[in-house]
Amino acid sequence: MTKLVLTQPMFLPWRGLLEQAAACDALVFYDDVQLPLGGGRGRGFLTRVQIKTAGGTAWLSLPVDRAGKGRQLIRDALLAGDDWRDEHLGRIRQAYGRAPFFDWTMDNVVLPVYRLRTASLCDFCVHSMRSLFSAFGLAPQLTTSSALKLDAGLGASERVLAVCRAIGATEYLTGLGAMNYIDYELFEAAGVRILYMDYSLTAYPQQHGEFNPFVSAVDLLFNRGPAAREELRPRSVYWKNWPRWHEGRPSR
């Protein structure tokens, strides 16, 4: 039995994504889909992530070259310049300079991520996720959806199922956002079980006030270091057994 996670490449994502990686056998980076157009919440969490600072939660955002580009695939998008790298590192040092595992996390994750010199948004985000997987001791099979050569004319559910078939997955593990589009009958007929993540939002030692479970996973590494893996408690629920299923489909 092979459990698959399909996720857009994300910049230093939150603990929930690490829990998905801990629970799966194979993880596919969904790189041949449209990059969110941007602007406010439309950017999603592909190009930005939250960290905790003494002044509250703050965003680290990757600048994307959008001028004249219109709609573009994630794999084709480019980063705009390099000035943001030093700015990000300065803000991270200020936020976590007194964290118990500051040096360990900087040396093993943060600096190796920012040292990657690439103009590719996709490559940078994938590299950041690979670095997190390594620090948390996670080793799912990794590939990209573009490498699978999927039929571009497939609908959303058909395309996800095509990824499952290409990988040989019998279970598809996803976040609650999939409730808005998944064709359950299609997957059931194909013998692929859909599982929803039941994310762990349990507290761990954090700096700067009230606990926030939605910040970048680097926060967990800065505060727990090599023991951070202990804070990952991946749980999933078969879609028919999801406790809030009959209350309607959530937007996230």
Protein backbone atom coordinates (compact mmCIF):
# COMPACT_ATOMS: atom_id res chain seq x y z
CA MET A 1 0.00 0.00 0.00
CA THR A 2 1.44 3.38 -1.07
CA LYS A 3 0.25 6.64 0.46
CA LEU A 4 0.69 9.77 -1.69
CA VAL A 5 0.86 13.47 -0.84
CA LEU A 6 0.56 15.99 -3.68
CA THR A 7 1.58 19.54 -2.79
CA GLN A 8 2.61 22.70 -4.53
CA PRO A 9 6.24 23.62 -3.80
CA MET A 10 6.13 25.87 -0.73
CA PHE A 11 8.58 28.25 0.87
CA LEU A 12 9.64 26.92 4.32
CA PRO A 13 6.11 25.61 5.05
CA TRP A 14 4.37 25.07 8.39
CA ARG A 15 4.47 21.99 10.62
CA GLY A 16 1.32 20.55 9.04
CA LEU A 17 3.11 19.97 5.75
CA LEU A 18 5.89 18.18 7.62
CA GLU A 19 3.27 15.96 9.24
CA GLN A 20 1.98 15.08 5.79
CA ALA A 21 5.50 14.20 4.67
CA ALA A 22 5.96 12.09 7.79
CA ALA A 23 2.78 10.14 7.02
CA CYS A 24 3.31 9.41 3.32
CA ASP A 25 5.42 7.06 1.24
CA ALA A 26 5.65 9.34 -1.80
CA LEU A 27 5.40 13.11 -2.15
CA VAL A 28 4.91 14.81 -5.51
CA PHE A 29 5.63 18.49 -5.99
CA TYR A 30 2.74 19.88 -8.07
CA ASP A 31 4.84 22.16 -10.26
CA ASP A 32 2.94 22.19 -13.57
CA VAL A 33 -0.13 24.03 -12.32
CA GLN A 34 -0.81 27.76 -12.41
CA LEU A 35 1.03 30.04 -10.02
CA PRO A 36 -1.49 32.05 -7.94
CA LEU A 37 -1.83 35.49 -9.49
CA GLY A 38 -0.90 37.20 -6.25
CA GLY A 39 -2.20 40.09 -4.22
CA GLY A 40 -3.37 39.67 -0.62
CA ARG A 41 -4.71 36.24 0.26
CA GLY A 42 -4.58 35.26 -3.41
CA ARG A 43 -0.89 34.50 -2.99
CA GLY A 44 -1.65 31.54 -0.76
CA PHE A 45 1.30 30.05 1.07
CA LEU A 46 3.49 29.08 -1.85
CA THR A 47 5.63 32.22 -1.77
CA ARG A 48 5.22 33.44 1.81
CA VAL A 49 5.37 32.13 5.36
CA GLN A 50 4.90 33.47 8.87
CA ILE A 51 7.50 33.67 11.63
CA LYS A 52 7.15 34.83 15.23
CA THR A 53 8.89 38.03 16.26
CA ALA A 54 8.99 40.17 19.39
CA GLY A 55 6.54 42.49 17.63
CA GLY A 56 4.12 39.74 16.65
CA THR A 57 3.68 37.49 13.64
CA ALA A 58 5.48 38.66 10.49
CA TRP A 59 5.58 37.48 6.89
CA LEU A 60 8.61 36.44 4.88
CA SER A 61 7.67 36.76 1.21
CA LEU A 62 9.49 35.71 -1.95
CA PRO A 63 9.32 38.38 -4.67
CA VAL A 64 8.15 36.91 -7.97
CA ASP A 65 8.87 38.41 -11.38
CA ARG A 66 5.32 38.91 -12.68
CA ALA A 67 5.77 41.93 -14.97
CA GLY A 68 4.24 41.13 -18.33
CA LYS A 69 4.10 37.42 -17.52
CA GLY A 70 0.35 37.01 -17.04
CA ARG A 71 -0.60 33.46 -16.12
CA GLN A 72 2.39 31.20 -15.63
CA LEU A 73 3.09 27.73 -14.32
CA ILE A 74 4.88 27.35 -11.00
CA ARG A 75 7.81 25.62 -12.71
CA ASP A 76 8.28 28.61 -15.06
CA ALA A 77 8.11 31.42 -12.48
CA LEU A 78 11.24 33.39 -11.64
CA LEU A 79 12.35 35.19 -8.49
CA ALA A 80 12.79 38.96 -8.73
CA GLY A 81 16.35 39.91 -7.82
CA ASP A 82 18.40 38.89 -4.77
CA ASP A 83 18.07 41.80 -2.32
CA TRP A 84 15.42 39.94 -0.33
CA ARG A 85 17.87 37.26 0.83
CA ASP A 86 19.81 39.49 3.23
CA GLU A 87 16.60 41.11 4.42
CA HIS A 88 15.07 37.72 5.25
CA LEU A 89 18.17 36.52 7.06
CA GLY A 90 18.31 39.71 9.11
CA ARG A 91 14.69 39.32 10.19
CA ILE A 92 15.20 35.64 11.05
CA ARG A 93 18.27 36.43 13.15
CA GLN A 94 16.41 39.17 14.98
CA ALA A 95 13.40 36.93 15.63
CA TYR A 96 15.25 33.78 16.72
CA GLY A 97 18.70 34.95 17.84
CA ARG A 98 17.98 33.87 21.41
CA ALA A 99 16.26 30.58 20.55
CA PRO A 100 17.85 27.51 22.17
CA PHE A 101 18.75 25.91 18.82
CA PHE A 102 19.50 29.04 16.84
CA ASP A 103 22.97 28.01 15.62
CA TRP A 104 21.90 24.44 14.85
CA THR A 105 18.92 25.54 12.76
CA MET A 106 20.81 28.27 10.93
CA ASP A 107 23.65 25.89 10.03
CA ASN A 108 21.46 22.93 9.04
CA VAL A 109 18.47 24.56 7.38
CA VAL A 110 18.27 28.33 7.02
CA LEU A 111 21.69 29.19 5.61
CA PRO A 112 21.78 26.20 3.21
CA VAL A 113 18.37 27.28 1.87
CA TYR A 114 19.35 30.89 1.28
CA ARG A 115 22.73 29.95 -0.22
CA LEU A 116 21.03 28.28 -3.16
CA ARG A 117 21.61 30.66 -6.05
CA THR A 118 18.77 30.11 -8.48
CA ALA A 119 16.30 32.32 -10.28
CA SER A 120 13.70 29.54 -10.26
CA LEU A 121 10.91 30.01 -7.71
CA CYS A 122 10.07 26.31 -7.93
CA ASP A 123 13.66 25.14 -7.39
CA PHE A 124 14.06 27.46 -4.40
CA CYS A 125 10.84 26.30 -2.75
CA VAL A 126 11.57 22.62 -3.39
CA HIS A 127 15.07 23.09 -1.96
CA SER A 128 13.61 24.69 1.18
CA MET A 129 11.24 21.75 1.63
CA ARG A 130 13.96 19.17 1.05
CA SER A 131 16.08 20.94 3.68
CA LEU A 132 13.23 20.76 6.18
CA PHE A 133 12.60 17.09 5.41
CA SER A 134 16.26 16.34 6.06
CA ALA A 135 16.31 18.27 9.36
CA PHE A 136 13.20 16.40 10.54
CA GLY A 137 14.59 13.04 9.41
CA LEU A 138 11.90 12.50 6.76
CA ALA A 139 12.60 10.58 3.56
CA PRO A 140 9.51 10.11 1.37
CA GLN A 141 10.02 9.30 -2.29
CA LEU A 142 10.11 12.69 -4.07
CA THR A 143 9.31 13.69 -7.63
CA THR A 144 7.54 16.46 -9.59
CA SER A 145 4.24 16.28 -11.42
CA SER A 146 5.89 17.68 -14.56
CA ALA A 147 8.18 14.63 -14.63
CA LEU A 148 5.10 12.40 -14.85
CA LYS A 149 4.02 13.90 -18.22
CA LEU A 150 0.32 14.12 -17.34
CA ASP A 151 -2.42 14.90 -19.86
CA ALA A 152 -2.91 18.68 -19.73
CA GLY A 153 -6.60 18.36 -20.58
CA LEU A 154 -7.61 16.48 -17.43
CA GLY A 155 -9.92 18.01 -14.83
CA ALA A 156 -8.80 18.61 -11.25
CA SER A 157 -9.87 15.25 -9.80
CA GLU A 158 -8.84 13.31 -12.91
CA ARG A 159 -5.39 14.87 -12.76
CA VAL A 160 -4.86 13.99 -9.11
CA LEU A 161 -5.98 10.44 -9.83
CA ALA A 162 -3.52 10.30 -12.75
CA VAL A 163 -0.72 11.21 -10.34
CA CYS A 164 -1.86 8.44 -7.99
CA ARG A 165 -1.81 5.94 -10.85
CA ALA A 166 1.61 7.08 -12.07
CA ILE A 167 3.06 6.61 -8.57
CA GLY A 168 1.12 3.42 -7.87
CA ALA A 169 -0.63 5.00 -4.88
CA THR A 170 -3.56 3.28 -3.22
CA GLU A 171 -4.17 6.13 -0.74
CA TYR A 172 -4.23 9.89 -1.35
CA LEU A 173 -3.52 12.01 1.73
CA THR A 174 -4.56 15.64 1.47
CA GLY A 175 -5.62 18.76 3.35
CA LEU A 176 -9.22 19.82 3.84
CA GLY A 177 -9.18 22.17 0.87
CA ALA A 178 -9.62 19.16 -1.40
CA MET A 179 -13.18 18.75 -0.08
CA ASN A 180 -14.14 21.57 -2.45
CA TYR A 181 -13.40 19.67 -5.66
CA ILE A 182 -12.62 15.96 -5.16
CA ASP A 183 -14.79 13.48 -7.08
CA TYR A 184 -15.06 10.72 -4.49
CA GLU A 185 -16.82 8.25 -6.77
CA LEU A 186 -13.98 8.53 -9.28
CA PHE A 187 -11.38 7.62 -6.65
CA GLU A 188 -13.49 4.89 -5.06
CA ALA A 189 -14.01 3.25 -8.47
CA ALA A 190 -10.26 3.36 -9.08
CA GLY A 191 -9.51 1.75 -5.71
CA VAL A 192 -7.78 4.82 -4.25
CA ARG A 193 -8.75 5.78 -0.69
CA ILE A 194 -8.90 9.52 0.09
CA LEU A 195 -7.59 10.46 3.52
CA TYR A 196 -7.81 13.89 5.13
CA MET A 197 -5.15 15.23 7.46
CA ASP A 198 -6.15 15.80 11.05
CA TYR A 199 -3.35 18.22 11.84
CA SER A 200 -1.69 18.32 15.23
CA LEU A 201 -1.88 21.82 16.64
CA THR A 202 -0.38 20.90 20.02
CA ALA A 203 1.84 23.46 21.68
CA TYR A 204 5.62 23.26 21.99
CA PRO A 205 7.99 25.76 23.66
CA GLN A 206 7.89 28.97 21.63
CA GLN A 207 9.27 32.46 22.05
CA HIS A 208 7.44 35.78 21.77
CA GLY A 209 4.17 35.27 23.54
CA GLU A 210 1.08 33.20 22.84
CA PHE A 211 1.57 29.93 20.95
CA ASN A 212 0.92 30.00 17.21
CA PRO A 213 0.78 26.62 15.41
CA PHE A 214 0.67 28.10 11.89
CA VAL A 215 4.17 29.57 11.57
CA SER A 216 7.00 28.11 9.49
CA ALA A 217 8.42 24.79 10.64
CA VAL A 218 11.76 26.56 11.18
CA ASP A 219 10.16 27.96 14.35
CA LEU A 220 9.87 24.40 15.67
CA LEU A 221 13.48 23.68 14.73
CA PHE A 222 14.77 26.86 16.40
CA ASN A 223 12.99 25.89 19.61
CA ARG A 224 13.40 22.10 19.65
CA GLY A 225 16.39 21.37 17.42
CA PRO A 226 17.07 17.68 16.65
CA ALA A 227 14.11 16.71 18.87
CA ALA A 228 11.66 18.55 16.60
CA ARG A 229 10.58 15.27 14.98
CA GLU A 230 8.91 14.33 18.28
CA GLU A 231 6.41 17.17 17.74
CA LEU A 232 5.14 15.67 14.47
CA ARG A 233 2.06 13.59 15.21
CA PRO A 234 0.56 12.78 11.81
CA ARG A 235 -3.04 11.65 11.90
CA SER A 236 -5.43 11.08 9.02
CA VAL A 237 -9.10 10.17 8.58
CA TYR A 238 -10.80 8.30 5.73
CA TRP A 239 -13.07 10.82 4.01
CA LYS A 240 -16.28 8.99 4.91
CA ASN A 241 -15.29 9.07 8.57
CA TRP A 242 -14.35 12.75 8.72
CA PRO A 243 -16.23 14.00 11.82
CA ARG A 244 -17.40 17.25 10.23
CA TRP A 245 -18.23 15.77 6.84
CA HIS A 246 -21.99 16.13 7.22
CA GLU A 247 -21.64 19.75 8.34
CA GLY A 248 -20.65 20.82 4.83
CA ARG A 249 -17.42 21.24 2.96
CA PRO A 250 -14.99 23.77 4.50
CA SER A 251 -13.14 26.32 2.40
CA ARG A 252 -9.78 25.18 3.75
